[in-house]
Amino acid sequence: MAKHGALLCSYAFTILILTLILLCNAVDEDRHAHVMYLGSLPDDKLYSPLSHHLSILQRVVGRESAANLLIKNYKRSFNGFSANLTEHEKEELANMKEVVSVFPSTTFQL
């Protein structure tokens, strides 16, 4: 009887460890910088680009993560923002009606 208990306990422990490994891999999914282009800036004087950009990002990554993932919001030459996203998050944003395009942020050297 004690042998079955020990076997069951080691089996449960193995399942727990495997589950934790899978969860850690899901959390550590690669994030890359992407730029979301939202078109031209609205003429509305009350429009807040930062609030609008955060609200869009929050719909995909959640309220608490959005501020940490936002890299920069663009509000002078065009309406958009850049954020560190997973492939899945990038696709979700690209499918939103207010997002015109999503493209990888690249740095060029002169």
PDB file of N, CA and C in Angstrom:
ATOM      1  N   MET A   1       0.820  -1.195   0.000  1.00  0.00           N
ATOM      2  CA  MET A   1       0.000   0.000   0.000  1.00  0.00           C
ATOM      3  C   MET A   1       0.870   1.269   0.000  1.00  0.00           C
ATOM      4  N   ALA A   2       1.930   1.245   0.831  1.00  0.00           N
ATOM      5  CA  ALA A   2       2.823   2.397   0.894  1.00  0.00           C
ATOM      6  C   ALA A   2       3.534   2.598  -0.439  1.00  0.00           C
ATOM      7  N   LYS A   3       3.787   1.497  -1.137  1.00  0.00           N
ATOM      8  CA  LYS A   3       4.454   1.571  -2.436  1.00  0.00           C
ATOM      9  C   LYS A   3       3.573   2.303  -3.449  1.00  0.00           C
ATOM     10  N   HIS A   4       2.246   2.015  -3.415  1.00  0.00           N
ATOM     11  CA  HIS A   4       1.322   2.700  -4.327  1.00  0.00           C
ATOM     12  C   HIS A   4       1.241   4.188  -4.007  1.00  0.00           C
ATOM     13  N   GLY A   5       1.266   4.521  -2.730  1.00  0.00           N
ATOM     14  CA  GLY A   5       1.226   5.928  -2.310  1.00  0.00           C
ATOM     15  C   GLY A   5       2.438   6.691  -2.805  1.00  0.00           C
ATOM     16  N   ALA A   6       3.608   6.085  -2.677  1.00  0.00           N
ATOM     17  CA  ALA A   6       4.841   6.726  -3.134  1.00  0.00           C
ATOM     18  C   ALA A   6       4.847   6.869  -4.650  1.00  0.00           C
ATOM     19  N   LEU A   7       4.356   5.855  -5.339  1.00  0.00           N
ATOM     20  CA  LEU A   7       4.285   5.902  -6.799  1.00  0.00           C
ATOM     21  C   LEU A   7       3.318   6.987  -7.261  1.00  0.00           C
ATOM     22  N   LEU A   8       2.181   7.078  -6.607  1.00  0.00           N
ATOM     23  CA  LEU A   8       1.187   8.095  -6.945  1.00  0.00           C
ATOM     24  C   LEU A   8       1.728   9.494  -6.676  1.00  0.00           C
ATOM     25  N   CYS A   9       2.438   9.639  -5.561  1.00  0.00           N
ATOM     26  CA  CYS A   9       3.017  10.935  -5.208  1.00  0.00           C
ATOM     27  C   CYS A   9       4.080  11.352  -6.230  1.00  0.00           C
ATOM     28  N   SER A  10       4.937  10.441  -6.644  1.00  0.00           N
ATOM     29  CA  SER A  10       5.964  10.787  -7.632  1.00  0.00           C
ATOM     30  C   SER A  10       5.346  11.083  -9.000  1.00  0.00           C
ATOM     31  N   TYR A  11       4.274  10.385  -9.343  1.00  0.00           N
ATOM     32  CA  TYR A  11       3.564  10.651 -10.595  1.00  0.00           C
ATOM     33  C   TYR A  11       2.957  12.059 -10.573  1.00  0.00           C
ATOM     34  N   ALA A  12       2.318  12.426  -9.470  1.00  0.00           N
ATOM     35  CA  ALA A  12       1.717  13.759  -9.337  1.00  0.00           C
ATOM     36  C   ALA A  12       2.793  14.838  -9.385  1.00  0.00           C
ATOM     37  N   PHE A  13       3.929  14.580  -8.755  1.00  0.00           N
ATOM     38  CA  PHE A  13       5.030  15.536  -8.759  1.00  0.00           C
ATOM     39  C   PHE A  13       5.568  15.739 -10.176  1.00  0.00           C
ATOM     40  N   THR A  14       5.694  14.674 -10.931  1.00  0.00           N
ATOM     41  CA  THR A  14       6.165  14.756 -12.316  1.00  0.00           C
ATOM     42  C   THR A  14       5.206  15.575 -13.173  1.00  0.00           C
ATOM     43  N   ILE A  15       3.911  15.348 -13.005  1.00  0.00           N
ATOM     44  CA  ILE A  15       2.902  16.119 -13.749  1.00  0.00           C
ATOM     45  C   ILE A  15       2.999  17.600 -13.384  1.00  0.00           C
ATOM     46  N   LEU A  16       3.182  17.899 -12.106  1.00  0.00           N
ATOM     47  CA  LEU A  16       3.305  19.285 -11.654  1.00  0.00           C
ATOM     48  C   LEU A  16       4.517  19.960 -12.288  1.00  0.00           C
ATOM     49  N   ILE A  17       5.646  19.296 -12.289  1.00  0.00           N
ATOM     50  CA  ILE A  17       6.868  19.862 -12.874  1.00  0.00           C
ATOM     51  C   ILE A  17       6.696  20.104 -14.370  1.00  0.00           C
ATOM     52  N   LEU A  18       6.132  19.161 -15.085  1.00  0.00           N
ATOM     53  CA  LEU A  18       5.914  19.333 -16.530  1.00  0.00           C
ATOM     54  C   LEU A  18       4.966  20.489 -16.815  1.00  0.00           C
ATOM     55  N   THR A  19       3.936  20.635 -16.015  1.00  0.00           N
ATOM     56  CA  THR A  19       2.996  21.745 -16.178  1.00  0.00           C
ATOM     57  C   THR A  19       3.691  23.079 -15.957  1.00  0.00           C
ATOM     58  N   LEU A  20       4.512  23.173 -14.925  1.00  0.00           N
ATOM     59  CA  LEU A  20       5.246  24.413 -14.657  1.00  0.00           C
ATOM     60  C   LEU A  20       6.209  24.754 -15.788  1.00  0.00           C
ATOM     61  N   ILE A  21       6.862  23.766 -16.348  1.00  0.00           N
ATOM     62  CA  ILE A  21       7.775  24.002 -17.473  1.00  0.00           C
ATOM     63  C   ILE A  21       7.008  24.554 -18.673  1.00  0.00           C
ATOM     64  N   LEU A  22       5.864  23.974 -18.974  1.00  0.00           N
ATOM     65  CA  LEU A  22       5.050  24.448 -20.097  1.00  0.00           C
ATOM     66  C   LEU A  22       4.551  25.863 -19.861  1.00  0.00           C
ATOM     67  N   LEU A  23       4.128  26.169 -18.641  1.00  0.00           N
ATOM     68  CA  LEU A  23       3.653  27.518 -18.330  1.00  0.00           C
ATOM     69  C   LEU A  23       4.773  28.538 -18.444  1.00  0.00           C
ATOM     70  N   CYS A  24       5.953  28.198 -17.993  1.00  0.00           N
ATOM     71  CA  CYS A  24       7.089  29.117 -18.092  1.00  0.00           C
ATOM     72  C   CYS A  24       7.439  29.396 -19.547  1.00  0.00           C
ATOM     73  N   ASN A  25       7.383  28.391 -20.391  1.00  0.00           N
ATOM     74  CA  ASN A  25       7.656  28.589 -21.814  1.00  0.00           C
ATOM     75  C   ASN A  25       6.612  29.477 -22.455  1.00  0.00           C
ATOM     76  N   ALA A  26       5.353  29.344 -22.060  1.00  0.00           N
ATOM     77  CA  ALA A  26       4.287  30.174 -22.618  1.00  0.00           C
ATOM     78  C   ALA A  26       4.467  31.625 -22.208  1.00  0.00           C
ATOM     79  N   VAL A  27       4.906  31.871 -20.979  1.00  0.00           N
ATOM     80  CA  VAL A  27       5.094  33.230 -20.488  1.00  0.00           C
ATOM     81  C   VAL A  27       6.296  33.882 -21.153  1.00  0.00           C
ATOM     82  N   ASP A  28       7.326  33.113 -21.443  1.00  0.00           N
ATOM     83  CA  ASP A  28       8.554  33.651 -22.007  1.00  0.00           C
ATOM     84  C   ASP A  28       8.548  33.729 -23.529  1.00  0.00           C
ATOM     85  N   GLU A  29       7.372  33.693 -24.158  1.00  0.00           N
ATOM     86  CA  GLU A  29       7.293  33.777 -25.611  1.00  0.00           C
ATOM     87  C   GLU A  29       7.998  35.052 -26.079  1.00  0.00           C
ATOM     88  N   ASP A  30       8.714  34.946 -27.178  1.00  0.00           N
ATOM     89  CA  ASP A  30       9.498  36.077 -27.678  1.00  0.00           C
ATOM     90  C   ASP A  30       8.627  37.275 -27.998  1.00  0.00           C
ATOM     91  N   ARG A  31       9.078  38.428 -27.572  1.00  0.00           N
ATOM     92  CA  ARG A  31       8.417  39.694 -27.888  1.00  0.00           C
ATOM     93  C   ARG A  31       9.373  40.515 -28.751  1.00  0.00           C
ATOM     94  N   HIS A  32       8.813  41.184 -29.731  1.00  0.00           N
ATOM     95  CA  HIS A  32       9.597  42.034 -30.614  1.00  0.00           C
ATOM     96  C   HIS A  32       8.875  43.366 -30.774  1.00  0.00           C
ATOM     97  N   ALA A  33       9.643  44.404 -31.033  1.00  0.00           N
ATOM     98  CA  ALA A  33       9.071  45.737 -31.216  1.00  0.00           C
ATOM     99  C   ALA A  33       8.336  45.816 -32.554  1.00  0.00           C
ATOM    100  N   HIS A  34       7.106  46.318 -32.508  1.00  0.00           N
ATOM    101  CA  HIS A  34       6.287  46.528 -33.701  1.00  0.00           C
ATOM    102  C   HIS A  34       5.669  47.919 -33.642  1.00  0.00           C
ATOM    103  N   VAL A  35       5.438  48.491 -34.808  1.00  0.00           N
ATOM    104  CA  VAL A  35       4.789  49.794 -34.917  1.00  0.00           C
ATOM    105  C   VAL A  35       3.376  49.581 -35.434  1.00  0.00           C
ATOM    106  N   MET A  36       2.408  50.181 -34.750  1.00  0.00           N
ATOM    107  CA  MET A  36       1.007  50.151 -35.166  1.00  0.00           C
ATOM    108  C   MET A  36       0.676  51.511 -35.762  1.00  0.00           C
ATOM    109  N   TYR A  37       0.288  51.522 -37.021  1.00  0.00           N
ATOM    110  CA  TYR A  37      -0.085  52.760 -37.704  1.00  0.00           C
ATOM    111  C   TYR A  37      -1.602  52.867 -37.689  1.00  0.00           C
ATOM    112  N   LEU A  38      -2.103  53.992 -37.158  1.00  0.00           N
ATOM    113  CA  LEU A  38      -3.545  54.183 -37.008  1.00  0.00           C
ATOM    114  C   LEU A  38      -4.100  55.225 -37.967  1.00  0.00           C
ATOM    115  N   GLY A  39      -3.307  55.681 -38.916  1.00  0.00           N
ATOM    116  CA  GLY A  39      -3.784  56.675 -39.869  1.00  0.00           C
ATOM    117  C   GLY A  39      -3.449  58.081 -39.410  1.00  0.00           C
ATOM    118  N   SER A  40      -4.186  59.048 -39.929  1.00  0.00           N
ATOM    119  CA  SER A  40      -3.913  60.443 -39.584  1.00  0.00           C
ATOM    120  C   SER A  40      -4.487  60.784 -38.213  1.00  0.00           C
ATOM    121  N   LEU A  41      -3.937  61.830 -37.638  1.00  0.00           N
ATOM    122  CA  LEU A  41      -4.420  62.289 -36.335  1.00  0.00           C
ATOM    123  C   LEU A  41      -5.794  62.933 -36.477  1.00  0.00           C
ATOM    124  N   PRO A  42      -6.704  62.670 -35.551  1.00  0.00           N
ATOM    125  CA  PRO A  42      -8.017  63.321 -35.595  1.00  0.00           C
ATOM    126  C   PRO A  42      -7.882  64.826 -35.344  1.00  0.00           C
ATOM    127  N   ASP A  43      -8.818  65.610 -35.875  1.00  0.00           N
ATOM    128  CA  ASP A  43      -8.812  67.060 -35.671  1.00  0.00           C
ATOM    129  C   ASP A  43      -9.367  67.452 -34.304  1.00  0.00           C
ATOM    130  N   ASP A  44      -9.964  66.521 -33.611  1.00  0.00           N
ATOM    131  CA  ASP A  44     -10.581  66.771 -32.311  1.00  0.00           C
ATOM    132  C   ASP A  44      -9.539  67.275 -31.309  1.00  0.00           C
ATOM    133  N   LYS A  45      -9.776  68.453 -30.725  1.00  0.00           N
ATOM    134  CA  LYS A  45      -8.842  69.050 -29.764  1.00  0.00           C
ATOM    135  C   LYS A  45      -8.765  68.232 -28.472  1.00  0.00           C
ATOM    136  N   LEU A  46      -9.809  67.478 -28.152  1.00  0.00           N
ATOM    137  CA  LEU A  46      -9.847  66.699 -26.919  1.00  0.00           C
ATOM    138  C   LEU A  46      -9.223  65.310 -27.076  1.00  0.00           C
ATOM    139  N   TYR A  47      -8.813  64.977 -28.297  1.00  0.00           N
ATOM    140  CA  TYR A  47      -8.231  63.658 -28.556  1.00  0.00           C
ATOM    141  C   TYR A  47      -6.912  63.505 -27.807  1.00  0.00           C
ATOM    142  N   SER A  48      -6.774  62.405 -27.083  1.00  0.00           N
ATOM    143  CA  SER A  48      -5.543  62.094 -26.356  1.00  0.00           C
ATOM    144  C   SER A  48      -4.901  60.857 -26.985  1.00  0.00           C
ATOM    145  N   PRO A  49      -3.834  61.044 -27.762  1.00  0.00           N
ATOM    146  CA  PRO A  49      -3.199  59.901 -28.416  1.00  0.00           C
ATOM    147  C   PRO A  49      -2.767  58.814 -27.429  1.00  0.00           C
ATOM    148  N   LEU A  50      -2.148  59.199 -26.319  1.00  0.00           N
ATOM    149  CA  LEU A  50      -1.667  58.203 -25.365  1.00  0.00           C
ATOM    150  C   LEU A  50      -2.816  57.366 -24.809  1.00  0.00           C
ATOM    151  N   SER A  51      -3.908  57.998 -24.430  1.00  0.00           N
ATOM    152  CA  SER A  51      -5.065  57.255 -23.901  1.00  0.00           C
ATOM    153  C   SER A  51      -5.635  56.309 -24.949  1.00  0.00           C
ATOM    154  N   HIS A  52      -5.738  56.795 -26.183  1.00  0.00           N
ATOM    155  CA  HIS A  52      -6.276  55.976 -27.261  1.00  0.00           C
ATOM    156  C   HIS A  52      -5.365  54.781 -27.552  1.00  0.00           C
ATOM    157  N   HIS A  53      -4.072  55.025 -27.622  1.00  0.00           N
ATOM    158  CA  HIS A  53      -3.115  53.962 -27.918  1.00  0.00           C
ATOM    159  C   HIS A  53      -3.105  52.908 -26.809  1.00  0.00           C
ATOM    160  N   LEU A  54      -3.125  53.359 -25.555  1.00  0.00           N
ATOM    161  CA  LEU A  54      -3.155  52.413 -24.437  1.00  0.00           C
ATOM    162  C   LEU A  54      -4.441  51.595 -24.428  1.00  0.00           C
ATOM    163  N   SER A  55      -5.560  52.226 -24.769  1.00  0.00           N
ATOM    164  CA  SER A  55      -6.830  51.481 -24.766  1.00  0.00           C
ATOM    165  C   SER A  55      -6.830  50.387 -25.836  1.00  0.00           C
ATOM    166  N   ILE A  56      -6.233  50.660 -26.988  1.00  0.00           N
ATOM    167  CA  ILE A  56      -6.128  49.646 -28.043  1.00  0.00           C
ATOM    168  C   ILE A  56      -5.232  48.500 -27.571  1.00  0.00           C
ATOM    169  N   LEU A  57      -4.091  48.839 -27.015  1.00  0.00           N
ATOM    170  CA  LEU A  57      -3.148  47.829 -26.540  1.00  0.00           C
ATOM    171  C   LEU A  57      -3.736  47.007 -25.389  1.00  0.00           C
ATOM    172  N   GLN A  58      -4.493  47.657 -24.516  1.00  0.00           N
ATOM    173  CA  GLN A  58      -5.107  46.961 -23.375  1.00  0.00           C
ATOM    174  C   GLN A  58      -6.092  45.890 -23.814  1.00  0.00           C
ATOM    175  N   ARG A  59      -6.762  46.095 -24.916  1.00  0.00           N
ATOM    176  CA  ARG A  59      -7.713  45.092 -25.405  1.00  0.00           C
ATOM    177  C   ARG A  59      -7.029  43.783 -25.772  1.00  0.00           C
ATOM    178  N   VAL A  60      -5.747  43.850 -26.073  1.00  0.00           N
ATOM    179  CA  VAL A  60      -5.013  42.656 -26.487  1.00  0.00           C
ATOM    180  C   VAL A  60      -4.182  42.064 -25.341  1.00  0.00           C
ATOM    181  N   VAL A  61      -3.487  42.911 -24.590  1.00  0.00           N
ATOM    182  CA  VAL A  61      -2.550  42.402 -23.581  1.00  0.00           C
ATOM    183  C   VAL A  61      -3.042  42.559 -22.150  1.00  0.00           C
ATOM    184  N   GLY A  62      -4.136  43.250 -21.944  1.00  0.00           N
ATOM    185  CA  GLY A  62      -4.625  43.469 -20.584  1.00  0.00           C
ATOM    186  C   GLY A  62      -4.193  44.822 -20.057  1.00  0.00           C
ATOM    187  N   ARG A  63      -4.949  45.297 -19.100  1.00  0.00           N
ATOM    188  CA  ARG A  63      -4.745  46.645 -18.580  1.00  0.00           C
ATOM    189  C   ARG A  63      -3.382  46.827 -17.913  1.00  0.00           C
ATOM    190  N   GLU A  64      -2.972  45.862 -17.122  1.00  0.00           N
ATOM    191  CA  GLU A  64      -1.740  46.020 -16.356  1.00  0.00           C
ATOM    192  C   GLU A  64      -0.487  45.876 -17.210  1.00  0.00           C
ATOM    193  N   SER A  65      -0.548  45.114 -18.278  1.00  0.00           N
ATOM    194  CA  SER A  65       0.629  44.887 -19.127  1.00  0.00           C
ATOM    195  C   SER A  65       0.844  45.990 -20.154  1.00  0.00           C
ATOM    196  N   ALA A  66      -0.210  46.679 -20.549  1.00  0.00           N
ATOM    197  CA  ALA A  66      -0.128  47.631 -21.658  1.00  0.00           C
ATOM    198  C   ALA A  66       0.927  48.710 -21.429  1.00  0.00           C
ATOM    199  N   ALA A  67       0.932  49.317 -20.261  1.00  0.00           N
ATOM    200  CA  ALA A  67       1.880  50.402 -19.992  1.00  0.00           C
ATOM    201  C   ALA A  67       3.324  49.905 -20.025  1.00  0.00           C
ATOM    202  N   ASN A  68       3.544  48.665 -19.615  1.00  0.00           N
ATOM    203  CA  ASN A  68       4.904  48.114 -19.624  1.00  0.00           C
ATOM    204  C   ASN A  68       5.373  47.741 -21.022  1.00  0.00           C
ATOM    205  N   LEU A  69       4.445  47.411 -21.907  1.00  0.00           N
ATOM    206  CA  LEU A  69       4.809  46.976 -23.256  1.00  0.00           C
ATOM    207  C   LEU A  69       4.884  48.125 -24.255  1.00  0.00           C
ATOM    208  N   LEU A  70       4.232  49.238 -23.945  1.00  0.00           N
ATOM    209  CA  LEU A  70       4.255  50.404 -24.836  1.00  0.00           C
ATOM    210  C   LEU A  70       5.660  50.994 -24.855  1.00  0.00           C
ATOM    211  N   ILE A  71       6.216  51.158 -26.043  1.00  0.00           N
ATOM    212  CA  ILE A  71       7.554  51.731 -26.184  1.00  0.00           C
ATOM    213  C   ILE A  71       7.457  53.232 -26.424  1.00  0.00           C
ATOM    214  N   LYS A  72       6.645  53.621 -27.393  1.00  0.00           N
ATOM    215  CA  LYS A  72       6.523  55.038 -27.770  1.00  0.00           C
ATOM    216  C   LYS A  72       5.187  55.258 -28.444  1.00  0.00           C
ATOM    217  N   ASN A  73       4.607  56.424 -28.193  1.00  0.00           N
ATOM    218  CA  ASN A  73       3.419  56.776 -28.969  1.00  0.00           C
ATOM    219  C   ASN A  73       3.777  57.954 -29.874  1.00  0.00           C
ATOM    220  N   TYR A  74       3.299  57.887 -31.103  1.00  0.00           N
ATOM    221  CA  TYR A  74       3.605  58.897 -32.117  1.00  0.00           C
ATOM    222  C   TYR A  74       2.385  59.790 -32.275  1.00  0.00           C
ATOM    223  N   LYS A  75       2.591  61.092 -32.185  1.00  0.00           N
ATOM    224  CA  LYS A  75       1.452  62.006 -32.214  1.00  0.00           C
ATOM    225  C   LYS A  75       1.703  63.274 -33.015  1.00  0.00           C
ATOM    226  N   ARG A  76       2.841  63.381 -33.660  1.00  0.00           N
ATOM    227  CA  ARG A  76       3.109  64.588 -34.441  1.00  0.00           C
ATOM    228  C   ARG A  76       2.917  64.352 -35.936  1.00  0.00           C
ATOM    229  N   SER A  77       3.698  63.465 -36.505  1.00  0.00           N
ATOM    230  CA  SER A  77       3.622  63.254 -37.950  1.00  0.00           C
ATOM    231  C   SER A  77       2.572  62.231 -38.347  1.00  0.00           C
ATOM    232  N   PHE A  78       2.280  61.287 -37.474  1.00  0.00           N
ATOM    233  CA  PHE A  78       1.223  60.311 -37.747  1.00  0.00           C
ATOM    234  C   PHE A  78       0.682  59.782 -36.427  1.00  0.00           C
ATOM    235  N   ASN A  79      -0.415  59.081 -36.502  1.00  0.00           N
ATOM    236  CA  ASN A  79      -1.080  58.539 -35.329  1.00  0.00           C
ATOM    237  C   ASN A  79      -0.708  57.068 -35.199  1.00  0.00           C
ATOM    238  N   GLY A  80       0.041  56.721 -34.169  1.00  0.00           N
ATOM    239  CA  GLY A  80       0.437  55.337 -33.977  1.00  0.00           C
ATOM    240  C   GLY A  80       1.249  55.156 -32.716  1.00  0.00           C
ATOM    241  N   PHE A  81       1.685  53.937 -32.504  1.00  0.00           N
ATOM    242  CA  PHE A  81       2.504  53.640 -31.334  1.00  0.00           C
ATOM    243  C   PHE A  81       3.346  52.410 -31.615  1.00  0.00           C
ATOM    244  N   SER A  82       4.385  52.233 -30.817  1.00  0.00           N
ATOM    245  CA  SER A  82       5.196  51.020 -30.910  1.00  0.00           C
ATOM    246  C   SER A  82       5.131  50.296 -29.572  1.00  0.00           C
ATOM    247  N   ALA A  83       5.187  48.964 -29.647  1.00  0.00           N
ATOM    248  CA  ALA A  83       5.086  48.139 -28.446  1.00  0.00           C
ATOM    249  C   ALA A  83       5.795  46.814 -28.664  1.00  0.00           C
ATOM    250  N   ASN A  84       6.222  46.209 -27.580  1.00  0.00           N
ATOM    251  CA  ASN A  84       6.810  44.866 -27.625  1.00  0.00           C
ATOM    252  C   ASN A  84       5.687  43.847 -27.610  1.00  0.00           C
ATOM    253  N   LEU A  85       5.577  43.071 -28.685  1.00  0.00           N
ATOM    254  CA  LEU A  85       4.450  42.152 -28.852  1.00  0.00           C
ATOM    255  C   LEU A  85       4.905  40.750 -29.231  1.00  0.00           C
ATOM    256  N   THR A  86       4.083  39.780 -28.869  1.00  0.00           N
ATOM    257  CA  THR A  86       4.270  38.417 -29.368  1.00  0.00           C
ATOM    258  C   THR A  86       3.639  38.357 -30.759  1.00  0.00           C
ATOM    259  N   GLU A  87       3.880  37.293 -31.464  1.00  0.00           N
ATOM    260  CA  GLU A  87       3.296  37.122 -32.802  1.00  0.00           C
ATOM    261  C   GLU A  87       1.768  37.113 -32.728  1.00  0.00           C
ATOM    262  N   HIS A  88       1.231  36.444 -31.726  1.00  0.00           N
ATOM    263  CA  HIS A  88      -0.227  36.360 -31.559  1.00  0.00           C
ATOM    264  C   HIS A  88      -0.829  37.742 -31.275  1.00  0.00           C
ATOM    265  N   GLU A  89      -0.205  38.516 -30.401  1.00  0.00           N
ATOM    266  CA  GLU A  89      -0.696  39.863 -30.079  1.00  0.00           C
ATOM    267  C   GLU A  89      -0.634  40.766 -31.303  1.00  0.00           C
ATOM    268  N   LYS A  90       0.445  40.636 -32.078  1.00  0.00           N
ATOM    269  CA  LYS A  90       0.591  41.430 -33.304  1.00  0.00           C
ATOM    270  C   LYS A  90      -0.555  41.145 -34.265  1.00  0.00           C
ATOM    271  N   GLU A  91      -0.895  39.876 -34.430  1.00  0.00           N
ATOM    272  CA  GLU A  91      -1.982  39.501 -35.335  1.00  0.00           C
ATOM    273  C   GLU A  91      -3.331  40.017 -34.833  1.00  0.00           C
ATOM    274  N   GLU A  92      -3.551  39.959 -33.521  1.00  0.00           N
ATOM    275  CA  GLU A  92      -4.804  40.481 -32.966  1.00  0.00           C
ATOM    276  C   GLU A  92      -4.940  41.973 -33.236  1.00  0.00           C
ATOM    277  N   LEU A  93      -3.858  42.719 -33.035  1.00  0.00           N
ATOM    278  CA  LEU A  93      -3.896  44.160 -33.295  1.00  0.00           C
ATOM    279  C   LEU A  93      -4.107  44.442 -34.778  1.00  0.00           C
ATOM    280  N   ALA A  94      -3.451  43.693 -35.635  1.00  0.00           N
ATOM    281  CA  ALA A  94      -3.581  43.897 -37.080  1.00  0.00           C
ATOM    282  C   ALA A  94      -5.014  43.685 -37.551  1.00  0.00           C
ATOM    283  N   ASN A  95      -5.779  42.857 -36.849  1.00  0.00           N
ATOM    284  CA  ASN A  95      -7.164  42.581 -37.233  1.00  0.00           C
ATOM    285  C   ASN A  95      -8.170  43.589 -36.681  1.00  0.00           C
ATOM    286  N   MET A  96      -7.724  44.547 -35.892  1.00  0.00           N
ATOM    287  CA  MET A  96      -8.633  45.569 -35.358  1.00  0.00           C
ATOM    288  C   MET A  96      -8.945  46.589 -36.437  1.00  0.00           C
ATOM    289  N   LYS A  97     -10.190  47.056 -36.451  1.00  0.00           N
ATOM    290  CA  LYS A  97     -10.601  47.974 -37.519  1.00  0.00           C
ATOM    291  C   LYS A  97      -9.899  49.325 -37.453  1.00  0.00           C
ATOM    292  N   GLU A  98      -9.512  49.794 -36.262  1.00  0.00           N
ATOM    293  CA  GLU A  98      -8.855  51.103 -36.179  1.00  0.00           C
ATOM    294  C   GLU A  98      -7.360  51.056 -36.474  1.00  0.00           C
ATOM    295  N   VAL A  99      -6.797  49.864 -36.612  1.00  0.00           N
ATOM    296  CA  VAL A  99      -5.373  49.719 -36.924  1.00  0.00           C
ATOM    297  C   VAL A  99      -5.223  49.558 -38.434  1.00  0.00           C
ATOM    298  N   VAL A 100      -4.516  50.504 -39.055  1.00  0.00           N
ATOM    299  CA  VAL A 100      -4.321  50.475 -40.502  1.00  0.00           C
ATOM    300  C   VAL A 100      -3.278  49.422 -40.874  1.00  0.00           C
ATOM    301  N   SER A 101      -2.149  49.420 -40.161  1.00  0.00           N
ATOM    302  CA  SER A 101      -1.114  48.426 -40.442  1.00  0.00           C
ATOM    303  C   SER A 101      -0.228  48.213 -39.223  1.00  0.00           C
ATOM    304  N   VAL A 102       0.418  47.057 -39.210  1.00  0.00           N
ATOM    305  CA  VAL A 102       1.377  46.700 -38.163  1.00  0.00           C
ATOM    306  C   VAL A 102       2.631  46.210 -38.867  1.00  0.00           C
ATOM    307  N   PHE A 103       3.775  46.763 -38.491  1.00  0.00           N
ATOM    308  CA  PHE A 103       5.018  46.315 -39.108  1.00  0.00           C
ATOM    309  C   PHE A 103       6.131  46.282 -38.066  1.00  0.00           C
ATOM    310  N   PRO A 104       7.138  45.441 -38.287  1.00  0.00           N
ATOM    311  CA  PRO A 104       8.237  45.345 -37.325  1.00  0.00           C
ATOM    312  C   PRO A 104       9.006  46.653 -37.252  1.00  0.00           C
ATOM    313  N   SER A 105       9.425  47.004 -36.064  1.00  0.00           N
ATOM    314  CA  SER A 105      10.254  48.186 -35.870  1.00  0.00           C
ATOM    315  C   SER A 105      11.701  47.779 -36.113  1.00  0.00           C
ATOM    316  N   THR A 106      12.332  48.440 -37.041  1.00  0.00           N
ATOM    317  CA  THR A 106      13.722  48.110 -37.361  1.00  0.00           C
ATOM    318  C   THR A 106      14.606  49.327 -37.148  1.00  0.00           C
ATOM    319  N   THR A 107      15.844  49.078 -36.782  1.00  0.00           N
ATOM    320  CA  THR A 107      16.820  50.140 -36.587  1.00  0.00           C
ATOM    321  C   THR A 107      17.867  50.012 -37.680  1.00  0.00           C
ATOM    322  N   PHE A 108      18.084  51.098 -38.384  1.00  0.00           N
ATOM    323  CA  PHE A 108      19.066  51.104 -39.459  1.00  0.00           C
ATOM    324  C   PHE A 108      20.312  51.850 -39.002  1.00  0.00           C
ATOM    325  N   GLN A 109      21.477  51.375 -39.417  1.00  0.00           N
ATOM    326  CA  GLN A 109      22.719  52.049 -39.094  1.00  0.00           C
ATOM    327  C   GLN A 109      23.251  52.738 -40.338  1.00  0.00           C
ATOM    328  N   LEU A 110      23.783  53.920 -40.133  1.00  0.00           N
ATOM    329  CA  LEU A 110      24.349  54.683 -41.247  1.00  0.00           C
ATOM    330  C   LEU A 110      25.802  54.366 -41.438  1.00  0.00           C
TER     331      LEU A 110
END
